[in-house]
Amino acid sequence: MSTKWSVWPRTLLWQTFLVVALVMVLALTAWYQIFRHLQQGPRANDLAQMVVSVVNLTRTALINAEPRRRRELLIDLAALEGIRIYPAEQQDEIEPLPDSRPLILLTEAIRRSLGEQTRFAASWEGLEGFWVSFKLDPQDRDEYWVMLPADRVVRPRAVDWLGWAAVALGLSLLAAYLIVSRINQPLRGIAGAARAVGRGETPPPLSERGASDIADVARAFNQMAGDLARLDADRRLILAGVSHDLRTPLARLRLGVEMSPADDEEREAMVTDIEEMDRIIGQFVDFGRDGQSESDVDLDIGALLEEIHADYLRRGLALSLEGVSHFTIKARPLALRRAITNLIDNAHRYAGHGQDVDLALRRDGGHLRIEVLDRGPGIPADEVERLKRPFTRLESARTDARGSGLGLAIVDRIARGHGGELRLLQRDGGGLRAVLEMPLKGIPHEKPA
């Protein structure tokens, strides 16, 4: 499976959250543009009218005031209204206004009323404010500066409003995340329970509280899981009954064969057929049991492989053991033993007489690999997944017509029950490399050899 990196998230939670976030950001951008183009113009005209009124009133007051009382008038304007008036000189040190759209609209509106000769400044001789030049008479050569407090003219910038809008956006996104997570959390629970069902486990019932549609899905899933559990229990009961009912007559049949007057070769052939029938019945029972009734325990995996190796050697079957380390892991001992012996039996059956079968234990990061290797004909790569299904056999030299087609299905189910998988690979130099791979739960404890 390709793992190409993508900007678009894969989970429903982050996809929905990203869509909501994009919509909110676009809405905020649209709001700002509307404010910028529809509100700044009228605001600039209102402020320009106020500035023009102040300038005109100041000019009128200075013209009509008695010359000896103009100084008192200027002091009163500065003290009461914050308006300062100074004569303009050529050597005045002034700082221009910021080049922002609101101030450009404001100065253009003021010039339309006071004349194109009107000058503006943000600072005069180090005094900050909103400075506007004017003349007492258009024909007069003398020019004056009138200063208005900046807070009366320069209103809060759009950036300041955007700051508050960003806070509102953050709160909205937090609310959106909480809403979407309420939908995503039940879906994650359903996905986890579905994976448990796929491993053959019976998950605990899902909560059926919450929104009606989510509760309906959880209720339907609980009903499905319960039905599957009952079907699985019925299947195990039926297989156990079939096993009991068939093995009793098989035992009597074997006893009768061994006591029959037939020659040794015929008697051995019939006993072999009876043993094969008993083995097939055992595989049916193993497939139905699946090891789910067995609990996880602390298992020394190295000791288990050594016991299996010793059992095969006592039976006179060639089996080599390599790379054994004594790890203590959480596993189901009987189920794991059954899976390993199935792989070894398959290897002996198809590798041929005199061919060695290798059993190895390897650790790869967070995974444990139990490998069974033989020099048989192997399995084509395009047939691997099919052979993991029940009652399927490979129509080739590796197939024994006496088999039930359940051996690899049993191993695959046990592997998935341990959170792992069965991998059937081509062995270098010919043969099959069967790998039972399981994740290490936590940090395994390694015992000294």
Protein backbone atom coordinates (compact mmCIF):
# COMPACT_ATOMS: atom_id res chain seq x y z
CA MET A 1 0.00 0.00 0.00
CA SER A 2 1.42 3.39 -0.95
CA THR A 3 1.85 5.93 1.82
CA LYS A 4 1.92 9.18 -0.15
CA TRP A 5 1.91 12.26 2.00
CA SER A 6 -1.17 14.42 1.63
CA VAL A 7 -2.13 17.78 3.11
CA TRP A 8 -5.76 16.70 3.35
CA PRO A 9 -6.28 14.71 6.59
CA ARG A 10 -7.71 11.19 6.46
CA THR A 11 -9.79 11.14 9.64
CA LEU A 12 -13.37 12.43 9.75
CA LEU A 13 -12.56 14.52 12.83
CA TRP A 14 -9.84 16.58 11.16
CA GLN A 15 -11.54 16.70 7.76
CA THR A 16 -14.68 18.22 9.30
CA PHE A 17 -12.67 20.49 11.58
CA LEU A 18 -10.59 21.72 8.65
CA VAL A 19 -13.71 22.45 6.58
CA VAL A 20 -15.28 24.37 9.48
CA ALA A 21 -12.03 26.27 10.06
CA LEU A 22 -11.75 27.22 6.37
CA VAL A 23 -15.36 28.41 6.30
CA MET A 24 -14.81 30.54 9.41
CA VAL A 25 -11.59 32.05 8.07
CA LEU A 26 -13.26 32.87 4.75
CA ALA A 27 -16.21 34.40 6.59
CA LEU A 28 -13.85 36.53 8.69
CA THR A 29 -11.96 37.63 5.57
CA ALA A 30 -15.21 38.54 3.83
CA TRP A 31 -16.35 40.48 6.90
CA TYR A 32 -13.08 42.42 6.95
CA GLN A 33 -13.34 43.29 3.27
CA ILE A 34 -16.92 44.46 3.72
CA PHE A 35 -15.87 46.61 6.67
CA ARG A 36 -12.89 47.93 4.75
CA HIS A 37 -14.78 48.98 1.64
CA LEU A 38 -18.20 49.91 3.02
CA GLN A 39 -17.46 51.34 6.45
CA GLN A 40 -14.09 53.10 6.15
CA GLY A 41 -15.37 55.61 3.57
CA PRO A 42 -18.35 56.87 5.64
CA ARG A 43 -16.23 56.91 8.82
CA ALA A 44 -13.55 58.96 7.05
CA ASN A 45 -16.16 61.48 5.89
CA ASP A 46 -17.59 61.83 9.41
CA LEU A 47 -14.14 62.35 10.93
CA ALA A 48 -13.21 64.81 8.15
CA GLN A 49 -16.33 66.84 8.88
CA MET A 50 -15.41 66.97 12.56
CA VAL A 51 -11.82 68.07 11.79
CA VAL A 52 -12.99 70.69 9.30
CA SER A 53 -15.45 72.03 11.86
CA VAL A 54 -12.70 72.31 14.50
CA VAL A 55 -10.37 74.07 12.06
CA ASN A 56 -13.06 76.48 10.88
CA LEU A 57 -14.23 77.25 14.40
CA THR A 58 -10.63 77.83 15.49
CA ARG A 59 -9.98 80.10 12.53
CA THR A 60 -13.18 82.05 13.19
CA ALA A 61 -12.37 82.39 16.88
CA LEU A 62 -8.90 83.70 16.15
CA ILE A 63 -10.15 86.16 13.54
CA ASN A 64 -12.91 87.55 15.74
CA ALA A 65 -10.99 87.59 19.01
CA GLU A 66 -9.35 90.78 20.15
CA PRO A 67 -5.59 90.65 19.48
CA ARG A 68 -4.77 91.10 23.17
CA ARG A 69 -7.04 88.19 24.12
CA ARG A 70 -5.85 85.68 21.49
CA ARG A 71 -3.21 84.32 23.85
CA GLU A 72 -5.88 83.56 26.47
CA LEU A 73 -8.00 81.92 23.78
CA LEU A 74 -5.16 79.63 22.72
CA ILE A 75 -4.55 78.65 26.35
CA ASP A 76 -8.24 77.85 26.87
CA LEU A 77 -8.38 75.73 23.68
CA ALA A 78 -5.36 73.74 24.79
CA ALA A 79 -6.61 73.27 28.35
CA LEU A 80 -10.26 72.59 27.69
CA GLU A 81 -10.34 70.94 24.25
CA GLY A 82 -6.78 69.64 23.85
CA ILE A 83 -6.44 71.75 20.71
CA ARG A 84 -3.07 73.42 20.23
CA ILE A 85 -2.24 76.09 17.65
CA TYR A 86 1.26 77.04 16.55
CA PRO A 87 2.58 79.17 13.72
CA ALA A 88 4.07 77.17 10.87
CA GLU A 89 7.66 77.79 9.85
CA GLN A 90 9.71 76.48 6.96
CA GLN A 91 12.19 74.79 9.31
CA ASP A 92 9.51 72.91 11.27
CA GLU A 93 10.36 69.28 11.97
CA ILE A 94 7.29 67.27 11.06
CA GLU A 95 6.57 63.57 10.62
CA PRO A 96 4.07 62.52 7.94
CA LEU A 97 1.00 60.49 8.72
CA PRO A 98 1.12 56.71 8.25
CA ASP A 99 0.31 55.60 4.72
CA SER A 100 -2.84 53.65 5.60
CA ARG A 101 -6.11 53.55 3.70
CA PRO A 102 -8.28 55.06 6.50
CA LEU A 103 -5.93 58.05 6.86
CA ILE A 104 -5.68 58.51 3.10
CA LEU A 105 -9.48 58.66 2.86
CA LEU A 106 -9.55 61.07 5.82
CA THR A 107 -6.97 63.50 4.43
CA GLU A 108 -8.58 63.48 0.97
CA ALA A 109 -11.95 64.37 2.50
CA ILE A 110 -10.38 67.21 4.57
CA ARG A 111 -8.57 68.65 1.54
CA ARG A 112 -11.83 68.78 -0.39
CA SER A 113 -13.16 71.17 2.27
CA LEU A 114 -10.06 73.11 3.35
CA GLY A 115 -8.21 73.19 0.05
CA GLU A 116 -5.44 71.30 -1.66
CA GLN A 117 -2.80 73.36 0.16
CA THR A 118 -3.72 71.75 3.47
CA ARG A 119 -0.87 69.82 5.03
CA PHE A 120 -0.96 67.02 7.61
CA ALA A 121 1.51 65.61 10.10
CA ALA A 122 1.68 62.97 12.80
CA SER A 123 4.27 64.91 14.80
CA TRP A 124 5.36 68.56 14.96
CA GLU A 125 8.60 69.43 16.77
CA GLY A 126 8.34 66.11 18.62
CA LEU A 127 4.72 66.64 19.73
CA GLU A 128 2.58 63.74 18.54
CA GLY A 129 -1.02 64.21 17.48
CA PHE A 130 -3.12 64.85 14.40
CA TRP A 131 -1.75 68.08 12.88
CA VAL A 132 -3.59 70.10 10.21
CA SER A 133 -2.36 73.31 8.62
CA PHE A 134 -4.62 76.29 7.89
CA LYS A 135 -4.55 79.99 7.12
CA LEU A 136 -6.63 82.74 8.66
CA ASP A 137 -7.24 84.05 5.17
CA PRO A 138 -6.64 82.30 1.84
CA GLN A 139 -4.60 85.28 0.69
CA ASP A 140 -2.60 85.38 3.91
CA ARG A 141 0.97 84.14 3.72
CA ASP A 142 1.05 83.13 7.39
CA GLU A 143 0.20 79.50 8.11
CA TYR A 144 -0.71 77.81 11.37
CA TRP A 145 -0.74 74.29 12.71
CA VAL A 146 -3.69 73.06 14.71
CA MET A 147 -3.22 69.85 16.69
CA LEU A 148 -6.09 67.54 17.67
CA PRO A 149 -5.57 64.67 20.09
CA ALA A 150 -4.88 61.53 18.06
CA ASP A 151 -7.49 59.50 19.92
CA ARG A 152 -10.20 61.88 18.66
CA VAL A 153 -9.29 61.31 15.03
CA VAL A 154 -7.42 58.01 14.64
CA ARG A 155 -9.92 55.38 15.73
CA PRO A 156 -8.89 51.83 16.59
CA ARG A 157 -7.20 50.23 13.60
CA ALA A 158 -8.69 47.37 11.64
CA VAL A 159 -5.84 45.23 12.95
CA ASP A 160 -7.13 45.81 16.48
CA TRP A 161 -10.58 44.68 15.44
CA LEU A 162 -9.01 41.68 13.73
CA GLY A 163 -7.37 40.74 17.01
CA TRP A 164 -10.74 40.48 18.70
CA ALA A 165 -12.09 38.69 15.64
CA ALA A 166 -9.23 36.18 15.95
CA VAL A 167 -10.23 35.54 19.57
CA ALA A 168 -13.83 34.94 18.47
CA LEU A 169 -12.54 32.67 15.69
CA GLY A 170 -10.47 30.67 18.16
CA LEU A 171 -13.47 30.18 20.44
CA SER A 172 -15.59 29.16 17.46
CA LEU A 173 -12.98 26.63 16.33
CA LEU A 174 -12.79 25.21 19.85
CA ALA A 175 -16.56 24.79 19.87
CA ALA A 176 -16.41 23.18 16.41
CA TYR A 177 -13.73 20.75 17.60
CA LEU A 178 -15.83 19.75 20.60
CA ILE A 179 -18.89 19.22 18.39
CA VAL A 180 -17.01 17.15 15.81
CA SER A 181 -15.20 15.12 18.49
CA ARG A 182 -18.60 14.10 19.92
CA ILE A 183 -19.31 12.52 16.54
CA ASN A 184 -15.83 11.09 16.06
CA GLN A 185 -15.51 9.44 19.47
CA PRO A 186 -18.41 6.97 18.96
CA LEU A 187 -17.08 6.20 15.47
CA ARG A 188 -13.66 5.35 16.91
CA GLY A 189 -15.37 3.05 19.42
CA ILE A 190 -17.29 1.32 16.62
CA ALA A 191 -14.09 0.95 14.56
CA GLY A 192 -12.23 -0.60 17.51
CA ALA A 193 -15.10 -2.98 18.22
CA ALA A 194 -15.25 -3.96 14.54
CA ARG A 195 -11.53 -4.78 14.57
CA ALA A 196 -12.08 -6.91 17.68
CA VAL A 197 -14.87 -8.80 15.90
CA GLY A 198 -12.53 -9.30 12.94
CA ARG A 199 -10.01 -10.89 15.30
CA GLY A 200 -12.71 -13.28 16.51
CA GLU A 201 -13.16 -11.55 19.87
CA THR A 202 -16.43 -10.44 21.49
CA PRO A 203 -16.10 -6.71 22.24
CA PRO A 204 -17.89 -5.11 25.20
CA PRO A 205 -21.22 -3.48 24.27
CA LEU A 206 -20.98 0.03 22.88
CA SER A 207 -22.67 2.89 24.66
CA GLU A 208 -26.10 3.59 23.17
CA ARG A 209 -26.43 7.05 24.66
CA GLY A 210 -26.12 10.32 22.78
CA ALA A 211 -27.62 11.52 19.51
CA SER A 212 -30.32 9.27 18.11
CA ASP A 213 -28.55 8.47 14.83
CA ILE A 214 -25.27 7.56 16.58
CA ALA A 215 -27.21 5.56 19.19
CA ASP A 216 -29.01 3.66 16.40
CA VAL A 217 -25.67 2.72 14.81
CA ALA A 218 -24.27 1.57 18.18
CA ARG A 219 -27.44 -0.40 18.92
CA ALA A 220 -27.31 -2.12 15.52
CA PHE A 221 -23.64 -2.95 15.98
CA ASN A 222 -24.26 -4.39 19.45
CA GLN A 223 -27.03 -6.55 18.03
CA MET A 224 -24.75 -7.73 15.21
CA ALA A 225 -21.90 -8.51 17.62
CA GLY A 226 -24.28 -10.42 19.88
CA ASP A 227 -25.65 -12.43 16.94
CA LEU A 228 -22.12 -13.27 15.80
CA ALA A 229 -21.14 -14.33 19.32
CA ARG A 230 -24.17 -16.63 19.52
CA LEU A 231 -23.43 -18.09 16.10
CA ASP A 232 -19.82 -18.68 17.11
CA ALA A 233 -20.92 -20.36 20.35
CA ASP A 234 -23.35 -22.57 18.42
CA ARG A 235 -20.61 -23.47 15.96
CA ARG A 236 -18.24 -24.48 18.72
CA LEU A 237 -20.97 -26.54 20.39
CA ILE A 238 -21.81 -28.32 17.14
CA LEU A 239 -18.15 -29.05 16.36
CA ALA A 240 -17.56 -30.34 19.88
CA GLY A 241 -20.56 -32.64 19.56
CA VAL A 242 -19.44 -33.87 16.13
CA SER A 243 -15.95 -34.49 17.48
CA HIS A 244 -17.28 -36.52 20.38
CA ASP A 245 -19.73 -38.50 18.24
CA LEU A 246 -17.13 -39.30 15.54
CA ARG A 247 -14.08 -40.01 17.65
CA THR A 248 -15.78 -42.71 19.72
CA PRO A 249 -16.58 -44.95 16.73
CA LEU A 250 -13.17 -44.14 15.24
CA ALA A 251 -11.53 -45.46 18.42
CA ARG A 252 -13.56 -48.67 18.18
CA LEU A 253 -12.73 -48.93 14.48
CA ARG A 254 -9.03 -48.56 15.17
CA LEU A 255 -9.18 -51.21 17.88
CA GLY A 256 -10.96 -53.56 15.49
CA VAL A 257 -8.39 -52.94 12.75
CA GLU A 258 -5.48 -53.62 15.06
CA MET A 259 -7.09 -56.91 16.12
CA SER A 260 -8.04 -57.94 12.58
CA PRO A 261 -6.27 -60.90 10.93
CA ALA A 262 -5.20 -58.72 7.96
CA ASP A 263 -1.52 -58.53 7.12
CA ASP A 264 0.64 -55.81 8.65
CA GLU A 265 0.78 -53.62 5.53
CA GLU A 266 -3.00 -53.43 5.12
CA ARG A 267 -3.50 -52.95 8.84
CA GLU A 268 -0.95 -50.08 8.90
CA ALA A 269 -2.64 -48.41 5.91
CA MET A 270 -6.07 -48.56 7.60
CA VAL A 271 -4.63 -47.25 10.90
CA THR A 272 -3.02 -44.38 8.96
CA ASP A 273 -6.37 -43.49 7.38
CA ILE A 274 -8.08 -43.58 10.77
CA GLU A 275 -5.38 -41.31 12.26
CA GLU A 276 -5.78 -38.91 9.35
CA MET A 277 -9.54 -38.78 9.95
CA ASP A 278 -8.92 -38.14 13.64
CA ARG A 279 -6.47 -35.37 12.77
CA ILE A 280 -8.99 -33.72 10.43
CA ILE A 281 -11.66 -33.86 13.13
CA GLY A 282 -9.15 -32.27 15.51
CA GLN A 283 -8.55 -29.45 13.03
CA PHE A 284 -12.30 -28.80 12.78
CA VAL A 285 -12.47 -28.56 16.56
CA ASP A 286 -9.39 -26.32 16.69
CA PHE A 287 -10.85 -24.02 14.07
CA GLY A 288 -14.10 -23.77 15.97
CA ARG A 289 -12.45 -23.30 19.36
CA ASP A 290 -10.03 -20.62 18.10
CA GLY A 291 -8.41 -20.28 21.54
CA GLN A 292 -10.79 -17.47 22.58
CA SER A 293 -11.77 -19.30 25.76
CA GLU A 294 -8.12 -19.19 26.83
CA SER A 295 -6.82 -16.14 28.71
CA ASP A 296 -3.56 -14.31 28.10
CA VAL A 297 -0.79 -15.25 30.53
CA ASP A 298 2.87 -14.39 30.94
CA LEU A 299 4.55 -16.82 28.55
CA ASP A 300 8.25 -17.54 28.10
CA ILE A 301 8.24 -17.82 24.32
CA GLY A 302 11.76 -19.25 24.20
CA ALA A 303 10.85 -22.05 26.62
CA LEU A 304 7.73 -22.85 24.56
CA LEU A 305 9.79 -23.24 21.37
CA GLU A 306 12.32 -25.42 23.19
CA GLU A 307 9.49 -27.71 24.41
CA ILE A 308 8.07 -28.00 20.89
CA HIS A 309 11.53 -28.70 19.49
CA ALA A 310 12.11 -31.45 22.06
CA ASP A 311 8.72 -33.04 21.29
CA TYR A 312 9.51 -33.34 17.58
CA LEU A 313 12.95 -34.74 18.26
CA ARG A 314 11.43 -37.43 20.49
CA ARG A 315 9.12 -38.35 17.62
CA GLY A 316 12.13 -38.75 15.32
CA LEU A 317 11.28 -35.76 13.09
CA ALA A 318 14.03 -33.45 11.86
CA LEU A 319 13.68 -29.97 13.31
CA SER A 320 16.39 -27.42 14.02
CA LEU A 321 16.01 -24.52 16.44
CA GLU A 322 17.91 -21.26 16.13
CA GLY A 323 17.95 -17.74 17.56
CA VAL A 324 16.02 -18.57 20.71
CA SER A 325 15.83 -15.82 23.33
CA HIS A 326 13.81 -16.10 26.50
CA PHE A 327 11.20 -13.36 26.26
CA THR A 328 8.21 -13.17 28.58
CA ILE A 329 5.18 -11.97 26.63
CA LYS A 330 1.41 -11.89 27.03
CA ALA A 331 -0.09 -14.73 24.95
CA ARG A 332 -2.43 -17.74 24.97
CA PRO A 333 -0.08 -20.74 25.34
CA LEU A 334 -2.28 -23.53 23.96
CA ALA A 335 -3.43 -21.48 20.96
CA LEU A 336 0.12 -20.34 20.18
CA ARG A 337 1.45 -23.92 20.50
CA ARG A 338 -1.29 -25.09 18.14
CA ALA A 339 -0.38 -22.45 15.55
CA ILE A 340 3.35 -23.29 15.66
CA THR A 341 2.82 -27.05 15.46
CA ASN A 342 0.43 -26.61 12.52
CA LEU A 343 3.14 -24.73 10.62
CA ILE A 344 5.76 -27.35 11.49
CA ASP A 345 3.44 -30.22 10.52
CA ASN A 346 2.70 -28.57 7.18
CA ALA A 347 6.41 -28.08 6.59
CA HIS A 348 7.17 -31.76 7.33
CA ARG A 349 4.28 -32.90 5.16
CA TYR A 350 5.31 -30.94 2.09
CA ALA A 351 9.10 -30.68 2.43
CA GLY A 352 9.56 -34.41 1.80
CA HIS A 353 11.41 -37.09 3.68
CA GLY A 354 14.94 -36.27 4.78
CA GLN A 355 14.46 -32.52 4.40
CA ASP A 356 15.19 -30.42 7.47
CA VAL A 357 12.66 -27.98 8.86
CA ASP A 358 13.98 -24.91 10.69
CA LEU A 359 12.30 -23.16 13.59
CA ALA A 360 13.57 -19.66 14.48
CA LEU A 361 12.66 -16.83 16.84
CA ARG A 362 13.52 -13.25 15.96
CA ARG A 363 12.70 -9.84 17.39
CA ASP A 364 12.30 -6.88 15.04
CA GLY A 365 11.71 -3.66 16.95
CA GLY A 366 8.24 -3.86 18.45
CA HIS A 367 7.39 -7.18 16.76
CA LEU A 368 8.17 -10.82 17.52
CA ARG A 369 8.59 -13.22 14.60
CA ILE A 370 8.33 -17.00 14.87
CA GLU A 371 9.55 -18.49 11.58
CA VAL A 372 9.16 -22.01 10.19
CA LEU A 373 11.28 -22.68 7.10
CA ASP A 374 11.28 -25.66 4.75
CA ARG A 375 12.67 -26.63 1.35
CA GLY A 376 9.40 -27.78 -0.17
CA PRO A 377 7.80 -26.49 -3.40
CA GLY A 378 6.61 -23.27 -1.73
CA ILE A 379 3.42 -21.28 -2.38
CA PRO A 380 2.90 -18.82 -5.28
CA ALA A 381 2.56 -15.24 -4.04
CA ASP A 382 -0.85 -14.80 -5.72
CA GLU A 383 -2.24 -17.82 -3.82
CA VAL A 384 -1.16 -16.81 -0.31
CA GLU A 385 -4.28 -14.90 0.75
CA ARG A 386 -6.63 -17.52 -0.69
CA LEU A 387 -4.91 -20.30 1.26
CA LYS A 388 -5.55 -18.48 4.53
CA ARG A 389 -9.28 -19.00 4.03
CA PRO A 390 -10.93 -22.13 5.47
CA PHE A 391 -11.28 -25.28 3.34
CA THR A 392 -8.92 -24.16 0.57
CA ARG A 393 -5.97 -26.11 -0.75
CA LEU A 394 -3.37 -25.43 -3.38
CA GLU A 395 -3.78 -27.62 -6.41
CA SER A 396 -0.08 -28.37 -6.81
CA ALA A 397 2.65 -30.63 -5.54
CA ARG A 398 2.37 -28.95 -2.11
CA THR A 399 -1.20 -30.19 -1.64
CA ASP A 400 -2.11 -33.38 0.15
CA ALA A 401 -5.60 -34.53 -0.80
CA ARG A 402 -6.07 -35.91 2.70
CA GLY A 403 -5.84 -32.47 4.28
CA SER A 404 -8.88 -30.50 5.44
CA GLY A 405 -7.68 -27.10 4.25
CA LEU A 406 -7.94 -25.67 7.77
CA GLY A 407 -4.32 -25.68 8.97
CA LEU A 408 -3.29 -22.24 7.67
CA ALA A 409 -6.75 -20.80 8.46
CA ILE A 410 -6.30 -21.85 12.09
CA VAL A 411 -2.83 -20.28 12.25
CA ASP A 412 -4.05 -17.06 10.63
CA ARG A 413 -6.97 -16.76 13.05
CA ILE A 414 -4.73 -17.35 16.07
CA ALA A 415 -2.24 -14.77 14.75
CA ARG A 416 -4.99 -12.16 14.35
CA GLY A 417 -6.29 -13.06 17.80
CA HIS A 418 -2.87 -12.03 19.14
CA GLY A 419 -2.95 -8.78 17.14
CA GLY A 420 -0.52 -10.12 14.53
CA GLU A 421 -0.57 -11.77 11.14
CA LEU A 422 0.57 -14.85 9.25
CA ARG A 423 2.94 -14.18 6.37
CA LEU A 424 3.81 -16.84 3.80
CA LEU A 425 6.96 -15.88 1.91
CA GLN A 426 9.30 -17.48 -0.59
CA ARG A 427 12.48 -18.73 1.04
CA ASP A 428 15.82 -17.84 -0.48
CA GLY A 429 17.09 -20.89 -2.34
CA GLY A 430 13.61 -22.42 -2.62
CA GLY A 431 10.94 -23.42 -0.17
CA LEU A 432 8.51 -21.67 2.12
CA ARG A 433 9.14 -19.21 4.93
CA ALA A 434 6.08 -19.09 7.19
CA VAL A 435 6.25 -16.15 9.60
CA LEU A 436 3.98 -15.79 12.62
CA GLU A 437 4.40 -12.10 13.44
CA MET A 438 2.96 -10.59 16.63
CA PRO A 439 3.33 -7.17 18.24
CA LEU A 440 5.10 -7.05 21.58
CA LYS A 441 2.65 -5.64 24.11
CA GLY A 442 4.66 -3.26 26.25
CA ILE A 443 8.34 -3.95 26.82
CA PRO A 444 9.00 -7.70 27.04
CA HIS A 445 11.17 -8.99 29.81
CA GLU A 446 14.21 -10.85 28.55
CA LYS A 447 15.53 -13.56 30.81
CA PRO A 448 19.22 -14.44 30.86
CA ALA A 449 20.03 -17.58 28.91
